[in-house]
Amino acid sequence: MASFLRDTNQQALTAKVATGAVLSATTVPINVDLTSSAGGSQYAGGVYVGGTGNLVVVMAGESSLVNTITFNNVPSGMFLPIQVKMISSTSTCSNIICLF
């Protein structure tokens, strides 16, 4: 567990917000395919949720942007170690940051 936390902390320190269509320093673009906007064939290696809500994403392995997964009631301050290629506008979380 200590190794995972160390790796997570290091990733958080070197995090960058998705490039291309960034809305502000604390949010990521919604309904944007990160594999095309982040510099080609990249996807987020983790997602930080700053405000409580539901997070609707398209996982990195999906071939279509319509196959979404919903993470319900994600608490504020949560880091999700998931690989995503898109965050949907139907998400009710706030202050979402993609980690690469």
PDB file of N, CA and C in Angstrom:
ATOM      1  N   MET A   1       0.822  -1.187   0.000  1.00  0.00           N
ATOM      2  CA  MET A   1       0.000   0.000   0.000  1.00  0.00           C
ATOM      3  C   MET A   1       0.871   1.257   0.000  1.00  0.00           C
ATOM      4  N   ALA A   2       1.969   1.233   0.743  1.00  0.00           N
ATOM      5  CA  ALA A   2       2.840   2.404   0.806  1.00  0.00           C
ATOM      6  C   ALA A   2       3.395   2.745  -0.563  1.00  0.00           C
ATOM      7  N   SER A   3       3.745   1.713  -1.345  1.00  0.00           N
ATOM      8  CA  SER A   3       4.262   1.948  -2.683  1.00  0.00           C
ATOM      9  C   SER A   3       3.208   2.597  -3.572  1.00  0.00           C
ATOM     10  N   PHE A   4       1.961   2.114  -3.477  1.00  0.00           N
ATOM     11  CA  PHE A   4       0.873   2.702  -4.270  1.00  0.00           C
ATOM     12  C   PHE A   4       0.676   4.166  -3.896  1.00  0.00           C
ATOM     13  N   LEU A   5       0.697   4.471  -2.587  1.00  0.00           N
ATOM     14  CA  LEU A   5       0.508   5.853  -2.150  1.00  0.00           C
ATOM     15  C   LEU A   5       1.655   6.733  -2.610  1.00  0.00           C
ATOM     16  N   ARG A   6       2.875   6.214  -2.562  1.00  0.00           N
ATOM     17  CA  ARG A   6       4.030   6.980  -3.023  1.00  0.00           C
ATOM     18  C   ARG A   6       3.897   7.272  -4.514  1.00  0.00           C
ATOM     19  N   ASP A   7       3.519   6.256  -5.303  1.00  0.00           N
ATOM     20  CA  ASP A   7       3.333   6.444  -6.733  1.00  0.00           C
ATOM     21  C   ASP A   7       2.203   7.425  -7.017  1.00  0.00           C
ATOM     22  N   THR A   8       1.111   7.314  -6.258  1.00  0.00           N
ATOM     23  CA  THR A   8      -0.020   8.216  -6.439  1.00  0.00           C
ATOM     24  C   THR A   8       0.383   9.646  -6.117  1.00  0.00           C
ATOM     25  N   ASN A   9       1.110   9.833  -5.037  1.00  0.00           N
ATOM     26  CA  ASN A   9       1.560  11.176  -4.669  1.00  0.00           C
ATOM     27  C   ASN A   9       2.492  11.750  -5.722  1.00  0.00           C
ATOM     28  N   GLN A  10       3.389  10.932  -6.251  1.00  0.00           N
ATOM     29  CA  GLN A  10       4.296  11.401  -7.292  1.00  0.00           C
ATOM     30  C   GLN A  10       3.521  11.790  -8.531  1.00  0.00           C
ATOM     31  N   GLN A  11       2.535  10.978  -8.903  1.00  0.00           N
ATOM     32  CA  GLN A  11       1.732  11.291 -10.083  1.00  0.00           C
ATOM     33  C   GLN A  11       0.954  12.584  -9.871  1.00  0.00           C
ATOM     34  N   ALA A  12       0.446  12.797  -8.671  1.00  0.00           N
ATOM     35  CA  ALA A  12      -0.291  14.015  -8.377  1.00  0.00           C
ATOM     36  C   ALA A  12       0.621  15.238  -8.461  1.00  0.00           C
ATOM     37  N   LEU A  13       1.869  15.087  -8.036  1.00  0.00           N
ATOM     38  CA  LEU A  13       2.810  16.202  -8.096  1.00  0.00           C
ATOM     39  C   LEU A  13       3.152  16.572  -9.532  1.00  0.00           C
ATOM     40  N   THR A  14       3.176  15.589 -10.415  1.00  0.00           N
ATOM     41  CA  THR A  14       3.549  15.851 -11.799  1.00  0.00           C
ATOM     42  C   THR A  14       2.331  15.907 -12.715  1.00  0.00           C
ATOM     43  N   ALA A  15       1.149  16.071 -12.114  1.00  0.00           N
ATOM     44  CA  ALA A  15      -0.086  16.091 -12.896  1.00  0.00           C
ATOM     45  C   ALA A  15      -0.136  17.304 -13.803  1.00  0.00           C
ATOM     46  N   LYS A  16      -0.798  17.116 -14.902  1.00  0.00           N
ATOM     47  CA  LYS A  16      -1.078  18.254 -15.761  1.00  0.00           C
ATOM     48  C   LYS A  16      -2.523  18.137 -16.232  1.00  0.00           C
ATOM     49  N   VAL A  17      -3.129  19.254 -16.412  1.00  0.00           N
ATOM     50  CA  VAL A  17      -4.510  19.283 -16.879  1.00  0.00           C
ATOM     51  C   VAL A  17      -4.498  18.980 -18.369  1.00  0.00           C
ATOM     52  N   ALA A  18      -5.539  18.301 -18.848  1.00  0.00           N
ATOM     53  CA  ALA A  18      -5.630  17.943 -20.262  1.00  0.00           C
ATOM     54  C   ALA A  18      -5.408  19.167 -21.147  1.00  0.00           C
ATOM     55  N   THR A  19      -4.601  18.991 -22.176  1.00  0.00           N
ATOM     56  CA  THR A  19      -4.299  20.112 -23.063  1.00  0.00           C
ATOM     57  C   THR A  19      -5.280  20.150 -24.219  1.00  0.00           C
ATOM     58  N   GLY A  20      -5.307  21.244 -24.919  1.00  0.00           N
ATOM     59  CA  GLY A  20      -6.151  21.350 -26.102  1.00  0.00           C
ATOM     60  C   GLY A  20      -7.332  22.261 -25.888  1.00  0.00           C
ATOM     61  N   ALA A  21      -8.274  21.876 -25.059  1.00  0.00           N
ATOM     62  CA  ALA A  21      -9.493  22.670 -24.874  1.00  0.00           C
ATOM     63  C   ALA A  21      -9.758  22.896 -23.395  1.00  0.00           C
ATOM     64  N   VAL A  22      -8.726  23.265 -22.665  1.00  0.00           N
ATOM     65  CA  VAL A  22      -8.851  23.435 -21.219  1.00  0.00           C
ATOM     66  C   VAL A  22      -9.757  24.621 -20.916  1.00  0.00           C
ATOM     67  N   LEU A  23     -10.702  24.427 -20.015  1.00  0.00           N
ATOM     68  CA  LEU A  23     -11.642  25.480 -19.665  1.00  0.00           C
ATOM     69  C   LEU A  23     -11.071  26.412 -18.610  1.00  0.00           C
ATOM     70  N   SER A  24     -10.366  25.886 -17.629  1.00  0.00           N
ATOM     71  CA  SER A  24      -9.706  26.683 -16.604  1.00  0.00           C
ATOM     72  C   SER A  24      -8.637  25.815 -15.965  1.00  0.00           C
ATOM     73  N   ALA A  25      -7.950  26.368 -14.994  1.00  0.00           N
ATOM     74  CA  ALA A  25      -6.850  25.627 -14.370  1.00  0.00           C
ATOM     75  C   ALA A  25      -7.337  24.464 -13.521  1.00  0.00           C
ATOM     76  N   THR A  26      -8.611  24.441 -13.148  1.00  0.00           N
ATOM     77  CA  THR A  26      -9.087  23.390 -12.251  1.00  0.00           C
ATOM     78  C   THR A  26     -10.115  22.472 -12.900  1.00  0.00           C
ATOM     79  N   THR A  27     -10.378  22.641 -14.159  1.00  0.00           N
ATOM     80  CA  THR A  27     -11.349  21.775 -14.826  1.00  0.00           C
ATOM     81  C   THR A  27     -10.768  21.227 -16.116  1.00  0.00           C
ATOM     82  N   VAL A  28     -11.377  20.181 -16.629  1.00  0.00           N
ATOM     83  CA  VAL A  28     -10.953  19.610 -17.901  1.00  0.00           C
ATOM     84  C   VAL A  28     -12.074  19.776 -18.904  1.00  0.00           C
ATOM     85  N   PRO A  29     -11.765  19.688 -20.184  1.00  0.00           N
ATOM     86  CA  PRO A  29     -12.820  19.791 -21.171  1.00  0.00           C
ATOM     87  C   PRO A  29     -13.781  18.614 -21.060  1.00  0.00           C
ATOM     88  N   ILE A  30     -15.041  18.862 -21.340  1.00  0.00           N
ATOM     89  CA  ILE A  30     -16.026  17.789 -21.321  1.00  0.00           C
ATOM     90  C   ILE A  30     -16.410  17.428 -22.743  1.00  0.00           C
ATOM     91  N   ASN A  31     -16.770  16.182 -22.929  1.00  0.00           N
ATOM     92  CA  ASN A  31     -17.138  15.656 -24.245  1.00  0.00           C
ATOM     93  C   ASN A  31     -16.034  15.860 -25.281  1.00  0.00           C
ATOM     94  N   VAL A  32     -14.773  15.811 -24.848  1.00  0.00           N
ATOM     95  CA  VAL A  32     -13.629  15.932 -25.741  1.00  0.00           C
ATOM     96  C   VAL A  32     -12.838  14.640 -25.668  1.00  0.00           C
ATOM     97  N   ASP A  33     -12.551  14.051 -26.816  1.00  0.00           N
ATOM     98  CA  ASP A  33     -11.764  12.817 -26.868  1.00  0.00           C
ATOM     99  C   ASP A  33     -10.312  13.153 -26.537  1.00  0.00           C
ATOM    100  N   LEU A  34      -9.850  12.769 -25.352  1.00  0.00           N
ATOM    101  CA  LEU A  34      -8.490  13.094 -24.910  1.00  0.00           C
ATOM    102  C   LEU A  34      -7.435  12.439 -25.786  1.00  0.00           C
ATOM    103  N   THR A  35      -7.777  11.348 -26.460  1.00  0.00           N
ATOM    104  CA  THR A  35      -6.779  10.672 -27.293  1.00  0.00           C
ATOM    105  C   THR A  35      -6.427  11.519 -28.503  1.00  0.00           C
ATOM    106  N   SER A  36      -7.309  12.431 -28.908  1.00  0.00           N
ATOM    107  CA  SER A  36      -6.983  13.289 -30.040  1.00  0.00           C
ATOM    108  C   SER A  36      -6.532  14.669 -29.597  1.00  0.00           C
ATOM    109  N   SER A  37      -7.040  15.169 -28.453  1.00  0.00           N
ATOM    110  CA  SER A  37      -6.700  16.531 -28.032  1.00  0.00           C
ATOM    111  C   SER A  37      -5.452  16.600 -27.168  1.00  0.00           C
ATOM    112  N   ALA A  38      -5.027  15.506 -26.595  1.00  0.00           N
ATOM    113  CA  ALA A  38      -3.881  15.536 -25.682  1.00  0.00           C
ATOM    114  C   ALA A  38      -2.571  15.189 -26.369  1.00  0.00           C
ATOM    115  N   GLY A  39      -2.550  15.139 -27.664  1.00  0.00           N
ATOM    116  CA  GLY A  39      -1.291  14.905 -28.359  1.00  0.00           C
ATOM    117  C   GLY A  39      -1.183  13.548 -29.003  1.00  0.00           C
ATOM    118  N   GLY A  40      -2.275  12.886 -29.255  1.00  0.00           N
ATOM    119  CA  GLY A  40      -2.246  11.636 -29.993  1.00  0.00           C
ATOM    120  C   GLY A  40      -2.087  10.407 -29.141  1.00  0.00           C
ATOM    121  N   SER A  41      -3.057   9.554 -29.156  1.00  0.00           N
ATOM    122  CA  SER A  41      -3.056   8.254 -28.499  1.00  0.00           C
ATOM    123  C   SER A  41      -2.781   8.312 -27.005  1.00  0.00           C
ATOM    124  N   GLN A  42      -3.047   9.433 -26.364  1.00  0.00           N
ATOM    125  CA  GLN A  42      -2.905   9.513 -24.921  1.00  0.00           C
ATOM    126  C   GLN A  42      -4.277   9.446 -24.284  1.00  0.00           C
ATOM    127  N   TYR A  43      -4.293   9.032 -23.050  1.00  0.00           N
ATOM    128  CA  TYR A  43      -5.517   9.063 -22.269  1.00  0.00           C
ATOM    129  C   TYR A  43      -5.118   9.326 -20.833  1.00  0.00           C
ATOM    130  N   ALA A  44      -6.076   9.802 -20.063  1.00  0.00           N
ATOM    131  CA  ALA A  44      -5.780  10.115 -18.672  1.00  0.00           C
ATOM    132  C   ALA A  44      -5.488   8.834 -17.911  1.00  0.00           C
ATOM    133  N   GLY A  45      -4.454   8.848 -17.106  1.00  0.00           N
ATOM    134  CA  GLY A  45      -4.083   7.698 -16.303  1.00  0.00           C
ATOM    135  C   GLY A  45      -4.700   7.728 -14.919  1.00  0.00           C
ATOM    136  N   GLY A  46      -5.443   8.779 -14.636  1.00  0.00           N
ATOM    137  CA  GLY A  46      -6.124   8.929 -13.359  1.00  0.00           C
ATOM    138  C   GLY A  46      -6.981  10.177 -13.394  1.00  0.00           C
ATOM    139  N   VAL A  47      -7.945  10.228 -12.515  1.00  0.00           N
ATOM    140  CA  VAL A  47      -8.845  11.376 -12.449  1.00  0.00           C
ATOM    141  C   VAL A  47      -8.976  11.817 -10.999  1.00  0.00           C
ATOM    142  N   TYR A  48      -8.807  13.107 -10.770  1.00  0.00           N
ATOM    143  CA  TYR A  48      -9.026  13.681  -9.445  1.00  0.00           C
ATOM    144  C   TYR A  48     -10.352  14.421  -9.464  1.00  0.00           C
ATOM    145  N   VAL A  49     -11.196  14.163  -8.462  1.00  0.00           N
ATOM    146  CA  VAL A  49     -12.505  14.808  -8.354  1.00  0.00           C
ATOM    147  C   VAL A  49     -12.476  15.735  -7.147  1.00  0.00           C
ATOM    148  N   GLY A  50     -12.635  17.040  -7.390  1.00  0.00           N
ATOM    149  CA  GLY A  50     -12.588  18.010  -6.316  1.00  0.00           C
ATOM    150  C   GLY A  50     -13.909  18.209  -5.610  1.00  0.00           C
ATOM    151  N   GLY A  51     -15.027  17.992  -6.327  1.00  0.00           N
ATOM    152  CA  GLY A  51     -16.349  18.193  -5.736  1.00  0.00           C
ATOM    153  C   GLY A  51     -17.231  16.979  -5.913  1.00  0.00           C
ATOM    154  N   THR A  52     -17.975  16.628  -4.891  1.00  0.00           N
ATOM    155  CA  THR A  52     -18.822  15.434  -4.857  1.00  0.00           C
ATOM    156  C   THR A  52     -19.820  15.401  -6.011  1.00  0.00           C
ATOM    157  N   GLY A  53     -20.090  14.200  -6.522  1.00  0.00           N
ATOM    158  CA  GLY A  53     -21.086  14.012  -7.573  1.00  0.00           C
ATOM    159  C   GLY A  53     -20.862  12.718  -8.316  1.00  0.00           C
ATOM    160  N   ASN A  54     -21.554  12.577  -9.436  1.00  0.00           N
ATOM    161  CA  ASN A  54     -21.405  11.404 -10.302  1.00  0.00           C
ATOM    162  C   ASN A  54     -20.417  11.732 -11.414  1.00  0.00           C
ATOM    163  N   LEU A  55     -19.500  10.817 -11.678  1.00  0.00           N
ATOM    164  CA  LEU A  55     -18.513  10.992 -12.737  1.00  0.00           C
ATOM    165  C   LEU A  55     -18.858  10.035 -13.871  1.00  0.00           C
ATOM    166  N   VAL A  56     -19.103  10.588 -15.053  1.00  0.00           N
ATOM    167  CA  VAL A  56     -19.453   9.788 -16.230  1.00  0.00           C
ATOM    168  C   VAL A  56     -18.291   9.873 -17.210  1.00  0.00           C
ATOM    169  N   VAL A  57     -17.693   8.723 -17.524  1.00  0.00           N
ATOM    170  CA  VAL A  57     -16.493   8.688 -18.357  1.00  0.00           C
ATOM    171  C   VAL A  57     -16.610   7.627 -19.442  1.00  0.00           C
ATOM    172  N   VAL A  58     -15.745   7.759 -20.436  1.00  0.00           N
ATOM    173  CA  VAL A  58     -15.512   6.697 -21.415  1.00  0.00           C
ATOM    174  C   VAL A  58     -14.134   6.152 -21.101  1.00  0.00           C
ATOM    175  N   MET A  59     -14.058   4.872 -20.805  1.00  0.00           N
ATOM    176  CA  MET A  59     -12.794   4.244 -20.433  1.00  0.00           C
ATOM    177  C   MET A  59     -11.856   4.179 -21.643  1.00  0.00           C
ATOM    178  N   ALA A  60     -10.564   4.107 -21.378  1.00  0.00           N
ATOM    179  CA  ALA A  60      -9.542   4.149 -22.424  1.00  0.00           C
ATOM    180  C   ALA A  60      -9.688   3.030 -23.450  1.00  0.00           C
ATOM    181  N   GLY A  61     -10.151   1.864 -23.053  1.00  0.00           N
ATOM    182  CA  GLY A  61     -10.246   0.726 -23.959  1.00  0.00           C
ATOM    183  C   GLY A  61     -11.461   0.712 -24.861  1.00  0.00           C
ATOM    184  N   GLU A  62     -12.378   1.650 -24.665  1.00  0.00           N
ATOM    185  CA  GLU A  62     -13.604   1.678 -25.471  1.00  0.00           C
ATOM    186  C   GLU A  62     -13.309   2.204 -26.872  1.00  0.00           C
ATOM    187  N   SER A  63     -13.946   1.595 -27.866  1.00  0.00           N
ATOM    188  CA  SER A  63     -13.758   2.050 -29.237  1.00  0.00           C
ATOM    189  C   SER A  63     -14.759   3.137 -29.622  1.00  0.00           C
ATOM    190  N   SER A  64     -15.848   3.251 -28.865  1.00  0.00           N
ATOM    191  CA  SER A  64     -16.875   4.244 -29.161  1.00  0.00           C
ATOM    192  C   SER A  64     -17.017   5.213 -27.995  1.00  0.00           C
ATOM    193  N   LEU A  65     -17.286   6.471 -28.295  1.00  0.00           N
ATOM    194  CA  LEU A  65     -17.441   7.477 -27.247  1.00  0.00           C
ATOM    195  C   LEU A  65     -18.834   7.462 -26.618  1.00  0.00           C
ATOM    196  N   VAL A  66     -19.702   6.567 -27.060  1.00  0.00           N
ATOM    197  CA  VAL A  66     -21.051   6.506 -26.490  1.00  0.00           C
ATOM    198  C   VAL A  66     -21.167   5.470 -25.373  1.00  0.00           C
ATOM    199  N   ASN A  67     -20.163   4.629 -25.193  1.00  0.00           N
ATOM    200  CA  ASN A  67     -20.176   3.607 -24.141  1.00  0.00           C
ATOM    201  C   ASN A  67     -19.594   4.196 -22.857  1.00  0.00           C
ATOM    202  N   THR A  68     -20.467   4.744 -22.029  1.00  0.00           N
ATOM    203  CA  THR A  68     -20.006   5.424 -20.816  1.00  0.00           C
ATOM    204  C   THR A  68     -20.132   4.543 -19.582  1.00  0.00           C
ATOM    205  N   ILE A  69     -19.329   4.879 -18.586  1.00  0.00           N
ATOM    206  CA  ILE A  69     -19.363   4.254 -17.267  1.00  0.00           C
ATOM    207  C   ILE A  69     -19.647   5.366 -16.258  1.00  0.00           C
ATOM    208  N   THR A  70     -20.551   5.109 -15.307  1.00  0.00           N
ATOM    209  CA  THR A  70     -20.866   6.109 -14.289  1.00  0.00           C
ATOM    210  C   THR A  70     -20.354   5.653 -12.930  1.00  0.00           C
ATOM    211  N   PHE A  71     -19.555   6.507 -12.308  1.00  0.00           N
ATOM    212  CA  PHE A  71     -19.114   6.294 -10.934  1.00  0.00           C
ATOM    213  C   PHE A  71     -20.022   7.165 -10.068  1.00  0.00           C
ATOM    214  N   ASN A  72     -20.898   6.543  -9.301  1.00  0.00           N
ATOM    215  CA  ASN A  72     -21.897   7.263  -8.515  1.00  0.00           C
ATOM    216  C   ASN A  72     -21.346   7.737  -7.175  1.00  0.00           C
ATOM    217  N   ASN A  73     -21.795   8.923  -6.785  1.00  0.00           N
ATOM    218  CA  ASN A  73     -21.482   9.497  -5.464  1.00  0.00           C
ATOM    219  C   ASN A  73     -19.990   9.509  -5.141  1.00  0.00           C
ATOM    220  N   VAL A  74     -19.189   9.987  -6.067  1.00  0.00           N
ATOM    221  CA  VAL A  74     -17.757  10.100  -5.836  1.00  0.00           C
ATOM    222  C   VAL A  74     -17.532  11.236  -4.833  1.00  0.00           C
ATOM    223  N   PRO A  75     -16.877  10.971  -3.697  1.00  0.00           N
ATOM    224  CA  PRO A  75     -16.676  12.025  -2.693  1.00  0.00           C
ATOM    225  C   PRO A  75     -15.638  13.051  -3.155  1.00  0.00           C
ATOM    226  N   SER A  76     -15.728  14.233  -2.599  1.00  0.00           N
ATOM    227  CA  SER A  76     -14.765  15.279  -2.947  1.00  0.00           C
ATOM    228  C   SER A  76     -13.373  14.879  -2.459  1.00  0.00           C
ATOM    229  N   GLY A  77     -12.378  15.293  -3.227  1.00  0.00           N
ATOM    230  CA  GLY A  77     -10.995  14.982  -2.877  1.00  0.00           C
ATOM    231  C   GLY A  77     -10.561  13.577  -3.243  1.00  0.00           C
ATOM    232  N   MET A  78     -11.335  12.883  -4.055  1.00  0.00           N
ATOM    233  CA  MET A  78     -11.051  11.491  -4.408  1.00  0.00           C
ATOM    234  C   MET A  78     -10.178  11.413  -5.664  1.00  0.00           C
ATOM    235  N   PHE A  79      -9.174  10.548  -5.595  1.00  0.00           N
ATOM    236  CA  PHE A  79      -8.367  10.214  -6.767  1.00  0.00           C
ATOM    237  C   PHE A  79      -8.811   8.848  -7.259  1.00  0.00           C
ATOM    238  N   LEU A  80      -9.219   8.765  -8.519  1.00  0.00           N
ATOM    239  CA  LEU A  80      -9.620   7.491  -9.117  1.00  0.00           C
ATOM    240  C   LEU A  80      -8.519   7.040 -10.075  1.00  0.00           C
ATOM    241  N   PRO A  81      -7.856   5.908  -9.804  1.00  0.00           N
ATOM    242  CA  PRO A  81      -6.797   5.422 -10.689  1.00  0.00           C
ATOM    243  C   PRO A  81      -7.385   4.669 -11.882  1.00  0.00           C
ATOM    244  N   ILE A  82      -8.085   5.415 -12.736  1.00  0.00           N
ATOM    245  CA  ILE A  82      -8.742   4.827 -13.906  1.00  0.00           C
ATOM    246  C   ILE A  82      -8.198   5.494 -15.165  1.00  0.00           C
ATOM    247  N   GLN A  83      -8.189   4.763 -16.265  1.00  0.00           N
ATOM    248  CA  GLN A  83      -7.723   5.287 -17.541  1.00  0.00           C
ATOM    249  C   GLN A  83      -8.940   5.667 -18.380  1.00  0.00           C
ATOM    250  N   VAL A  84      -9.059   6.962 -18.681  1.00  0.00           N
ATOM    251  CA  VAL A  84     -10.222   7.441 -19.419  1.00  0.00           C
ATOM    252  C   VAL A  84      -9.804   8.193 -20.666  1.00  0.00           C
ATOM    253  N   LYS A  85     -10.687   8.154 -21.668  1.00  0.00           N
ATOM    254  CA  LYS A  85     -10.436   8.921 -22.881  1.00  0.00           C
ATOM    255  C   LYS A  85     -11.389  10.092 -23.025  1.00  0.00           C
ATOM    256  N   MET A  86     -12.480  10.128 -22.228  1.00  0.00           N
ATOM    257  CA  MET A  86     -13.405  11.255 -22.284  1.00  0.00           C
ATOM    258  C   MET A  86     -14.171  11.368 -20.978  1.00  0.00           C
ATOM    259  N   ILE A  87     -14.449  12.597 -20.563  1.00  0.00           N
ATOM    260  CA  ILE A  87     -15.330  12.871 -19.431  1.00  0.00           C
ATOM    261  C   ILE A  87     -16.589  13.493 -19.998  1.00  0.00           C
ATOM    262  N   SER A  88     -17.739  12.925 -19.659  1.00  0.00           N
ATOM    263  CA  SER A  88     -19.009  13.358 -20.230  1.00  0.00           C
ATOM    264  C   SER A  88     -19.544  14.610 -19.536  1.00  0.00           C
ATOM    265  N   SER A  89     -20.299  15.403 -20.294  1.00  0.00           N
ATOM    266  CA  SER A  89     -20.922  16.610 -19.748  1.00  0.00           C
ATOM    267  C   SER A  89     -22.050  16.271 -18.784  1.00  0.00           C
ATOM    268  N   THR A  90     -22.469  15.008 -18.741  1.00  0.00           N
ATOM    269  CA  THR A  90     -23.514  14.602 -17.797  1.00  0.00           C
ATOM    270  C   THR A  90     -22.957  14.342 -16.400  1.00  0.00           C
ATOM    271  N   SER A  91     -21.642  14.482 -16.216  1.00  0.00           N
ATOM    272  CA  SER A  91     -21.029  14.340 -14.895  1.00  0.00           C
ATOM    273  C   SER A  91     -21.502  15.478 -14.001  1.00  0.00           C
ATOM    274  N   THR A  92     -21.767  15.141 -12.730  1.00  0.00           N
ATOM    275  CA  THR A  92     -22.192  16.174 -11.779  1.00  0.00           C
ATOM    276  C   THR A  92     -21.077  16.546 -10.810  1.00  0.00           C
ATOM    277  N   CYS A  93     -19.901  15.941 -10.949  1.00  0.00           N
ATOM    278  CA  CYS A  93     -18.736  16.306 -10.139  1.00  0.00           C
ATOM    279  C   CYS A  93     -18.226  17.667 -10.582  1.00  0.00           C
ATOM    280  N   SER A  94     -17.470  18.309  -9.704  1.00  0.00           N
ATOM    281  CA  SER A  94     -16.845  19.578 -10.079  1.00  0.00           C
ATOM    282  C   SER A  94     -15.347  19.499  -9.843  1.00  0.00           C
ATOM    283  N   ASN A  95     -14.636  20.453 -10.432  1.00  0.00           N
ATOM    284  CA  ASN A  95     -13.177  20.549 -10.281  1.00  0.00           C
ATOM    285  C   ASN A  95     -12.491  19.230 -10.595  1.00  0.00           C
ATOM    286  N   ILE A  96     -12.736  18.716 -11.789  1.00  0.00           N
ATOM    287  CA  ILE A  96     -12.157  17.447 -12.237  1.00  0.00           C
ATOM    288  C   ILE A  96     -10.817  17.728 -12.903  1.00  0.00           C
ATOM    289  N   ILE A  97      -9.810  16.962 -12.520  1.00  0.00           N
ATOM    290  CA  ILE A  97      -8.488  17.098 -13.121  1.00  0.00           C
ATOM    291  C   ILE A  97      -8.049  15.739 -13.644  1.00  0.00           C
ATOM    292  N   CYS A  98      -7.623  15.705 -14.910  1.00  0.00           N
ATOM    293  CA  CYS A  98      -7.087  14.468 -15.484  1.00  0.00           C
ATOM    294  C   CYS A  98      -5.585  14.429 -15.249  1.00  0.00           C
ATOM    295  N   LEU A  99      -5.093  13.268 -14.836  1.00  0.00           N
ATOM    296  CA  LEU A  99      -3.664  13.070 -14.622  1.00  0.00           C
ATOM    297  C   LEU A  99      -3.112  12.232 -15.765  1.00  0.00           C
ATOM    298  N   PHE A 100      -1.990  12.644 -16.300  1.00  0.00           N
ATOM    299  CA  PHE A 100      -1.389  11.915 -17.402  1.00  0.00           C
ATOM    300  C   PHE A 100      -0.102  11.254 -16.961  1.00  0.00           C
TER     301      PHE A 100
END
